[in-house]
Amino acid sequence: MQILTRTIFLRSKGEGDIIDITPETSKILSQSKLKDGIITIFVSGSTAAVTTIEYEPGLRQDFPNMLSRIVPENIEYQHENMWHDGNGHSHVKASLIGPSLTIPFNDGTLMLGIWQQIVVLEMDINKRERNVILQIIGE
């Protein structure tokens, strides 16, 4: 059993940016030479999240729209009262989706569905530099 840790560095465009990291994640897994195991994808920061979606234009609009319905920007957030930085809703959205995801791999290939891609969701109101940590456990 081996454990490898790698990092993907990203620059987001700000709130609503959805970044497909599937190709880079697959490349890093391939370079690891591990055949079977799991890979955990974790984004650092409290205003970003990781999930899977079908990375197509409709869902790239639907997903942020859905989050805005669930976590509206125009209500009071105690985070705003404390910090006055305009991103209270960003923290709540990111917490709702979560910062990590674990995917099994077999024969060196991520076991994703045919239309399933790994994405980083930027929830912050500003552009951000993000570190996405991949921890690969396998043999």
N, C-alpha and C. Protein backbone atom coordinates (compact mmCIF):
# COMPACT_ATOMS: atom_id res chain seq x y z
N MET A 1 0.85 -1.18 0.00
CA MET A 1 0.00 0.00 0.00
C MET A 1 0.89 1.24 0.00
N GLN A 2 0.57 2.18 -0.89
CA GLN A 2 1.30 3.44 -0.98
C GLN A 2 0.34 4.60 -0.79
N ILE A 3 0.87 5.69 -0.28
CA ILE A 3 0.11 6.94 -0.16
C ILE A 3 0.93 8.03 -0.83
N LEU A 4 0.32 8.68 -1.82
CA LEU A 4 0.97 9.78 -2.53
C LEU A 4 0.11 11.02 -2.40
N THR A 5 0.74 12.16 -2.25
CA THR A 5 0.02 13.42 -2.16
C THR A 5 0.53 14.35 -3.25
N ARG A 6 -0.39 14.91 -4.01
CA ARG A 6 -0.08 15.85 -5.08
C ARG A 6 -1.01 17.06 -4.96
N THR A 7 -0.63 18.16 -5.60
CA THR A 7 -1.45 19.37 -5.54
C THR A 7 -1.69 19.92 -6.95
N ILE A 8 -2.93 20.32 -7.19
CA ILE A 8 -3.29 21.03 -8.41
C ILE A 8 -3.50 22.50 -8.00
N PHE A 9 -2.86 23.41 -8.71
CA PHE A 9 -3.00 24.84 -8.44
C PHE A 9 -3.96 25.44 -9.45
N LEU A 10 -4.97 26.17 -8.95
CA LEU A 10 -6.00 26.76 -9.81
C LEU A 10 -6.12 28.25 -9.55
N ARG A 11 -6.62 28.94 -10.55
CA ARG A 11 -7.05 30.33 -10.39
C ARG A 11 -8.50 30.39 -10.85
N SER A 12 -9.37 30.80 -9.96
CA SER A 12 -10.79 30.89 -10.31
C SER A 12 -11.11 32.29 -10.81
N LYS A 13 -12.27 32.38 -11.45
CA LYS A 13 -12.76 33.68 -11.94
C LYS A 13 -13.71 34.32 -10.94
N GLY A 14 -13.93 33.68 -9.81
CA GLY A 14 -14.84 34.20 -8.81
C GLY A 14 -16.13 33.42 -8.76
N GLU A 15 -17.07 33.93 -8.00
CA GLU A 15 -18.32 33.23 -7.71
C GLU A 15 -18.99 32.65 -8.96
N GLY A 16 -19.35 31.38 -8.87
CA GLY A 16 -20.03 30.69 -9.96
C GLY A 16 -19.08 29.97 -10.91
N ASP A 17 -17.78 30.17 -10.77
CA ASP A 17 -16.82 29.48 -11.64
C ASP A 17 -16.82 28.00 -11.30
N ILE A 18 -16.91 27.18 -12.33
CA ILE A 18 -16.88 25.72 -12.18
C ILE A 18 -15.72 25.23 -13.03
N ILE A 19 -14.75 24.60 -12.38
CA ILE A 19 -13.51 24.21 -13.05
C ILE A 19 -13.42 22.68 -13.09
N ASP A 20 -13.36 22.14 -14.30
CA ASP A 20 -13.24 20.69 -14.49
C ASP A 20 -11.79 20.28 -14.26
N ILE A 21 -11.57 19.47 -13.23
CA ILE A 21 -10.21 19.00 -12.93
C ILE A 21 -10.04 17.52 -13.24
N THR A 22 -11.00 16.94 -13.96
CA THR A 22 -10.92 15.51 -14.27
C THR A 22 -9.67 15.16 -15.07
N PRO A 23 -9.37 15.89 -16.16
CA PRO A 23 -8.18 15.51 -16.94
C PRO A 23 -6.89 15.56 -16.12
N GLU A 24 -6.72 16.61 -15.33
CA GLU A 24 -5.49 16.72 -14.54
C GLU A 24 -5.44 15.66 -13.44
N THR A 25 -6.59 15.36 -12.83
CA THR A 25 -6.64 14.32 -11.81
C THR A 25 -6.28 12.97 -12.41
N SER A 26 -6.84 12.67 -13.58
CA SER A 26 -6.53 11.40 -14.27
C SER A 26 -5.05 11.31 -14.62
N LYS A 27 -4.47 12.42 -15.07
CA LYS A 27 -3.05 12.44 -15.43
C LYS A 27 -2.18 12.17 -14.21
N ILE A 28 -2.51 12.81 -13.10
CA ILE A 28 -1.74 12.59 -11.86
C ILE A 28 -1.87 11.14 -11.40
N LEU A 29 -3.07 10.58 -11.49
CA LEU A 29 -3.26 9.18 -11.12
C LEU A 29 -2.42 8.28 -12.03
N SER A 30 -2.43 8.53 -13.31
CA SER A 30 -1.64 7.74 -14.26
C SER A 30 -0.15 7.81 -13.93
N GLN A 31 0.34 9.00 -13.61
CA GLN A 31 1.75 9.17 -13.28
C GLN A 31 2.13 8.46 -11.98
N SER A 32 1.15 8.21 -11.13
CA SER A 32 1.43 7.55 -9.84
C SER A 32 1.80 6.08 -10.02
N LYS A 33 1.39 5.49 -11.14
CA LYS A 33 1.62 4.07 -11.44
C LYS A 33 0.84 3.13 -10.51
N LEU A 34 -0.04 3.68 -9.68
CA LEU A 34 -0.88 2.84 -8.83
C LEU A 34 -2.04 2.31 -9.66
N LYS A 35 -2.44 1.09 -9.39
CA LYS A 35 -3.48 0.44 -10.20
C LYS A 35 -4.85 0.43 -9.54
N ASP A 36 -4.89 0.14 -8.25
CA ASP A 36 -6.17 0.00 -7.56
C ASP A 36 -6.12 0.74 -6.22
N GLY A 37 -7.21 1.44 -5.90
CA GLY A 37 -7.26 2.15 -4.63
C GLY A 37 -8.32 3.24 -4.66
N ILE A 38 -8.04 4.30 -3.89
CA ILE A 38 -8.94 5.45 -3.83
C ILE A 38 -8.12 6.73 -3.94
N ILE A 39 -8.79 7.76 -4.43
CA ILE A 39 -8.18 9.07 -4.49
C ILE A 39 -9.13 10.05 -3.82
N THR A 40 -8.59 10.82 -2.90
CA THR A 40 -9.37 11.86 -2.24
C THR A 40 -8.95 13.20 -2.82
N ILE A 41 -9.95 13.99 -3.21
CA ILE A 41 -9.74 15.32 -3.76
C ILE A 41 -10.25 16.31 -2.73
N PHE A 42 -9.39 17.22 -2.29
CA PHE A 42 -9.73 18.17 -1.23
C PHE A 42 -9.32 19.57 -1.66
N VAL A 43 -10.25 20.53 -1.60
CA VAL A 43 -9.91 21.91 -1.92
C VAL A 43 -9.73 22.69 -0.62
N SER A 44 -8.60 23.39 -0.52
CA SER A 44 -8.32 24.22 0.65
C SER A 44 -9.13 25.51 0.54
N GLY A 45 -9.64 25.96 1.65
CA GLY A 45 -10.39 27.21 1.69
C GLY A 45 -11.83 26.98 2.05
N SER A 46 -12.42 27.96 2.71
CA SER A 46 -13.79 27.79 3.21
C SER A 46 -14.85 28.35 2.29
N THR A 47 -14.45 28.79 1.08
CA THR A 47 -15.43 29.29 0.13
C THR A 47 -15.32 28.60 -1.23
N ALA A 48 -14.83 27.37 -1.23
CA ALA A 48 -14.79 26.54 -2.44
C ALA A 48 -15.26 25.15 -2.07
N ALA A 49 -15.64 24.39 -3.09
CA ALA A 49 -16.14 23.04 -2.86
C ALA A 49 -15.74 22.13 -4.02
N VAL A 50 -15.90 20.83 -3.79
CA VAL A 50 -15.60 19.82 -4.82
C VAL A 50 -16.79 18.88 -4.92
N THR A 51 -17.16 18.55 -6.16
CA THR A 51 -18.22 17.56 -6.39
C THR A 51 -18.04 16.98 -7.79
N THR A 52 -19.01 16.20 -8.23
CA THR A 52 -19.04 15.73 -9.61
C THR A 52 -20.32 16.21 -10.26
N ILE A 53 -20.23 16.56 -11.52
CA ILE A 53 -21.40 16.90 -12.33
C ILE A 53 -21.11 16.45 -13.76
N GLU A 54 -22.12 16.50 -14.59
CA GLU A 54 -21.90 16.42 -16.02
C GLU A 54 -21.50 17.83 -16.44
N TYR A 55 -20.27 17.98 -16.87
CA TYR A 55 -19.71 19.30 -17.17
C TYR A 55 -20.17 19.74 -18.56
N GLU A 56 -21.39 20.22 -18.62
CA GLU A 56 -21.95 20.69 -19.89
C GLU A 56 -22.61 22.04 -19.65
N PRO A 57 -22.81 22.84 -20.69
CA PRO A 57 -23.27 24.23 -20.51
C PRO A 57 -24.54 24.39 -19.69
N GLY A 58 -25.52 23.52 -19.88
CA GLY A 58 -26.76 23.64 -19.12
C GLY A 58 -26.55 23.48 -17.62
N LEU A 59 -25.84 22.44 -17.23
CA LEU A 59 -25.59 22.22 -15.80
C LEU A 59 -24.64 23.25 -15.22
N ARG A 60 -23.74 23.79 -16.04
CA ARG A 60 -22.84 24.84 -15.55
C ARG A 60 -23.63 26.11 -15.24
N GLN A 61 -24.82 26.24 -15.77
CA GLN A 61 -25.72 27.34 -15.39
C GLN A 61 -26.68 26.90 -14.29
N ASP A 62 -27.22 25.67 -14.42
CA ASP A 62 -28.21 25.19 -13.46
C ASP A 62 -27.65 25.07 -12.04
N PHE A 63 -26.41 24.60 -11.92
CA PHE A 63 -25.86 24.34 -10.58
C PHE A 63 -25.71 25.62 -9.76
N PRO A 64 -25.07 26.67 -10.28
CA PRO A 64 -25.00 27.92 -9.50
C PRO A 64 -26.39 28.53 -9.25
N ASN A 65 -27.29 28.41 -10.22
CA ASN A 65 -28.65 28.93 -10.04
C ASN A 65 -29.35 28.20 -8.89
N MET A 66 -29.18 26.89 -8.83
CA MET A 66 -29.77 26.10 -7.74
C MET A 66 -29.21 26.54 -6.40
N LEU A 67 -27.91 26.74 -6.33
CA LEU A 67 -27.29 27.17 -5.08
C LEU A 67 -27.81 28.54 -4.65
N SER A 68 -28.04 29.42 -5.61
CA SER A 68 -28.56 30.75 -5.28
C SER A 68 -29.99 30.69 -4.75
N ARG A 69 -30.76 29.71 -5.21
CA ARG A 69 -32.12 29.55 -4.68
C ARG A 69 -32.08 29.01 -3.26
N ILE A 70 -31.17 28.09 -2.99
CA ILE A 70 -31.06 27.49 -1.66
C ILE A 70 -30.40 28.45 -0.67
N VAL A 71 -29.38 29.16 -1.13
CA VAL A 71 -28.60 30.07 -0.28
C VAL A 71 -28.61 31.46 -0.95
N PRO A 72 -29.67 32.22 -0.76
CA PRO A 72 -29.76 33.53 -1.41
C PRO A 72 -28.72 34.52 -0.86
N GLU A 73 -28.32 35.44 -1.71
CA GLU A 73 -27.33 36.45 -1.31
C GLU A 73 -27.96 37.58 -0.49
N ASN A 74 -29.24 37.83 -0.70
CA ASN A 74 -29.87 39.04 -0.17
C ASN A 74 -30.57 38.84 1.18
N ILE A 75 -30.04 37.94 1.99
CA ILE A 75 -30.56 37.80 3.35
C ILE A 75 -29.41 38.06 4.33
N GLU A 76 -29.75 38.22 5.60
CA GLU A 76 -28.72 38.52 6.59
C GLU A 76 -27.92 37.26 6.94
N TYR A 77 -26.62 37.42 6.96
CA TYR A 77 -25.70 36.37 7.40
C TYR A 77 -24.88 36.94 8.55
N GLN A 78 -24.77 36.20 9.63
CA GLN A 78 -24.00 36.66 10.78
C GLN A 78 -22.52 36.86 10.43
N HIS A 79 -22.03 36.09 9.46
CA HIS A 79 -20.65 36.27 8.99
C HIS A 79 -20.46 37.70 8.48
N GLU A 80 -21.47 38.22 7.78
CA GLU A 80 -21.41 39.61 7.28
C GLU A 80 -21.33 40.59 8.44
N ASN A 81 -22.12 40.34 9.46
CA ASN A 81 -22.13 41.24 10.63
C ASN A 81 -20.77 41.26 11.34
N MET A 82 -20.07 40.14 11.26
CA MET A 82 -18.76 40.03 11.92
C MET A 82 -17.65 40.62 11.06
N TRP A 83 -17.61 40.27 9.77
CA TRP A 83 -16.46 40.60 8.93
C TRP A 83 -16.74 41.65 7.85
N HIS A 84 -17.98 41.86 7.47
CA HIS A 84 -18.34 42.86 6.45
C HIS A 84 -17.58 42.66 5.14
N ASP A 85 -17.42 41.39 4.74
CA ASP A 85 -16.67 41.12 3.52
C ASP A 85 -17.54 40.66 2.34
N GLY A 86 -18.85 40.64 2.53
CA GLY A 86 -19.76 40.36 1.43
C GLY A 86 -19.87 38.93 0.99
N ASN A 87 -19.25 37.99 1.71
CA ASN A 87 -19.28 36.60 1.23
C ASN A 87 -19.85 35.60 2.23
N GLY A 88 -20.74 36.05 3.09
CA GLY A 88 -21.39 35.12 4.02
C GLY A 88 -22.08 33.99 3.30
N HIS A 89 -22.79 34.33 2.22
CA HIS A 89 -23.48 33.29 1.44
C HIS A 89 -22.48 32.33 0.80
N SER A 90 -21.29 32.81 0.47
CA SER A 90 -20.26 31.97 -0.15
C SER A 90 -19.82 30.85 0.80
N HIS A 91 -19.65 31.19 2.06
CA HIS A 91 -19.25 30.20 3.06
C HIS A 91 -20.34 29.14 3.24
N VAL A 92 -21.59 29.57 3.27
CA VAL A 92 -22.70 28.63 3.45
C VAL A 92 -22.81 27.69 2.25
N LYS A 93 -22.70 28.23 1.04
CA LYS A 93 -22.76 27.40 -0.18
C LYS A 93 -21.64 26.36 -0.18
N ALA A 94 -20.43 26.79 0.12
CA ALA A 94 -19.30 25.87 0.12
C ALA A 94 -19.47 24.77 1.17
N SER A 95 -19.98 25.15 2.34
CA SER A 95 -20.21 24.15 3.39
C SER A 95 -21.27 23.14 2.99
N LEU A 96 -22.27 23.60 2.27
CA LEU A 96 -23.35 22.73 1.81
C LEU A 96 -22.83 21.63 0.89
N ILE A 97 -21.96 21.98 -0.05
CA ILE A 97 -21.43 21.00 -1.00
C ILE A 97 -20.28 20.21 -0.38
N GLY A 98 -19.37 20.88 0.29
CA GLY A 98 -18.27 20.21 0.97
C GLY A 98 -16.95 20.34 0.25
N PRO A 99 -15.84 20.21 1.01
CA PRO A 99 -14.51 20.45 0.46
C PRO A 99 -13.82 19.23 -0.13
N SER A 100 -14.44 18.04 -0.04
CA SER A 100 -13.71 16.86 -0.51
C SER A 100 -14.62 15.81 -1.13
N LEU A 101 -13.96 14.90 -1.83
CA LEU A 101 -14.63 13.84 -2.56
C LEU A 101 -13.66 12.67 -2.65
N THR A 102 -14.14 11.45 -2.51
CA THR A 102 -13.29 10.27 -2.66
C THR A 102 -13.83 9.42 -3.80
N ILE A 103 -12.94 9.02 -4.69
CA ILE A 103 -13.32 8.24 -5.88
C ILE A 103 -12.44 7.00 -5.94
N PRO A 104 -13.03 5.83 -6.13
CA PRO A 104 -12.22 4.63 -6.31
C PRO A 104 -11.58 4.62 -7.71
N PHE A 105 -10.46 3.92 -7.83
CA PHE A 105 -9.87 3.69 -9.15
C PHE A 105 -9.50 2.22 -9.27
N ASN A 106 -9.56 1.74 -10.50
CA ASN A 106 -9.27 0.34 -10.80
C ASN A 106 -8.46 0.30 -12.09
N ASP A 107 -7.42 -0.50 -12.08
CA ASP A 107 -6.55 -0.62 -13.24
C ASP A 107 -6.05 0.76 -13.69
N GLY A 108 -5.78 1.62 -12.72
CA GLY A 108 -5.25 2.95 -13.00
C GLY A 108 -6.23 3.95 -13.57
N THR A 109 -7.54 3.61 -13.54
CA THR A 109 -8.56 4.48 -14.13
C THR A 109 -9.60 4.86 -13.08
N LEU A 110 -9.91 6.16 -13.02
CA LEU A 110 -10.97 6.62 -12.12
C LEU A 110 -12.28 5.93 -12.48
N MET A 111 -13.01 5.50 -11.48
CA MET A 111 -14.26 4.78 -11.72
C MET A 111 -15.45 5.76 -11.75
N LEU A 112 -15.35 6.73 -12.66
CA LEU A 112 -16.41 7.71 -12.84
C LEU A 112 -17.40 7.21 -13.88
N GLY A 113 -18.63 7.71 -13.79
CA GLY A 113 -19.62 7.43 -14.83
C GLY A 113 -19.23 8.13 -16.11
N ILE A 114 -19.81 7.71 -17.21
CA ILE A 114 -19.43 8.23 -18.52
C ILE A 114 -19.62 9.75 -18.64
N TRP A 115 -20.61 10.30 -17.97
CA TRP A 115 -20.89 11.74 -18.04
C TRP A 115 -20.48 12.47 -16.77
N GLN A 116 -19.67 11.86 -15.95
CA GLN A 116 -19.34 12.39 -14.63
C GLN A 116 -17.94 12.98 -14.61
N GLN A 117 -17.84 14.26 -14.28
CA GLN A 117 -16.55 14.92 -14.17
C GLN A 117 -16.38 15.48 -12.77
N ILE A 118 -15.11 15.61 -12.36
CA ILE A 118 -14.76 16.17 -11.06
C ILE A 118 -14.61 17.69 -11.24
N VAL A 119 -15.30 18.45 -10.40
CA VAL A 119 -15.25 19.91 -10.54
C VAL A 119 -14.98 20.58 -9.21
N VAL A 120 -14.27 21.71 -9.31
CA VAL A 120 -14.09 22.62 -8.18
C VAL A 120 -15.07 23.76 -8.41
N LEU A 121 -15.84 24.08 -7.37
CA LEU A 121 -16.83 25.15 -7.44
C LEU A 121 -16.32 26.33 -6.63
N GLU A 122 -16.18 27.46 -7.30
CA GLU A 122 -15.77 28.67 -6.60
C GLU A 122 -17.03 29.38 -6.12
N MET A 123 -17.11 29.62 -4.82
CA MET A 123 -18.26 30.29 -4.22
C MET A 123 -17.93 31.71 -3.79
N ASP A 124 -16.65 32.05 -3.69
CA ASP A 124 -16.27 33.37 -3.20
C ASP A 124 -16.62 34.44 -4.22
N ILE A 125 -16.87 35.64 -3.74
CA ILE A 125 -17.25 36.75 -4.61
C ILE A 125 -16.05 37.29 -5.39
N ASN A 126 -14.85 36.92 -4.99
CA ASN A 126 -13.63 37.38 -5.65
C ASN A 126 -12.91 36.23 -6.34
N LYS A 127 -12.03 36.58 -7.28
CA LYS A 127 -11.14 35.59 -7.88
C LYS A 127 -10.26 35.03 -6.77
N ARG A 128 -9.92 33.76 -6.88
CA ARG A 128 -9.08 33.14 -5.86
C ARG A 128 -8.07 32.20 -6.49
N GLU A 129 -6.94 32.06 -5.81
CA GLU A 129 -6.00 30.99 -6.12
C GLU A 129 -6.34 29.86 -5.18
N ARG A 130 -6.46 28.67 -5.73
CA ARG A 130 -6.87 27.51 -4.94
C ARG A 130 -5.84 26.39 -5.06
N ASN A 131 -5.65 25.68 -3.96
CA ASN A 131 -4.87 24.45 -3.93
C ASN A 131 -5.85 23.30 -3.79
N VAL A 132 -5.78 22.39 -4.73
CA VAL A 132 -6.58 21.17 -4.67
C VAL A 132 -5.62 20.04 -4.37
N ILE A 133 -5.79 19.43 -3.21
CA ILE A 133 -4.88 18.37 -2.77
C ILE A 133 -5.48 17.02 -3.16
N LEU A 134 -4.65 16.23 -3.82
CA LEU A 134 -5.03 14.86 -4.17
C LEU A 134 -4.23 13.93 -3.30
N GLN A 135 -4.91 13.05 -2.60
CA GLN A 135 -4.22 12.02 -1.83
C GLN A 135 -4.64 10.68 -2.40
N ILE A 136 -3.66 9.97 -2.93
CA ILE A 136 -3.91 8.71 -3.63
C ILE A 136 -3.41 7.58 -2.73
N ILE A 137 -4.31 6.64 -2.45
CA ILE A 137 -3.98 5.49 -1.61
C ILE A 137 -4.25 4.24 -2.43
N GLY A 138 -3.23 3.42 -2.62
CA GLY A 138 -3.45 2.23 -3.41
C GLY A 138 -2.20 1.39 -3.59
N GLU A 139 -2.34 0.44 -4.51
CA GLU A 139 -1.22 -0.46 -4.83
C GLU A 139 -1.09 -0.63 -6.32
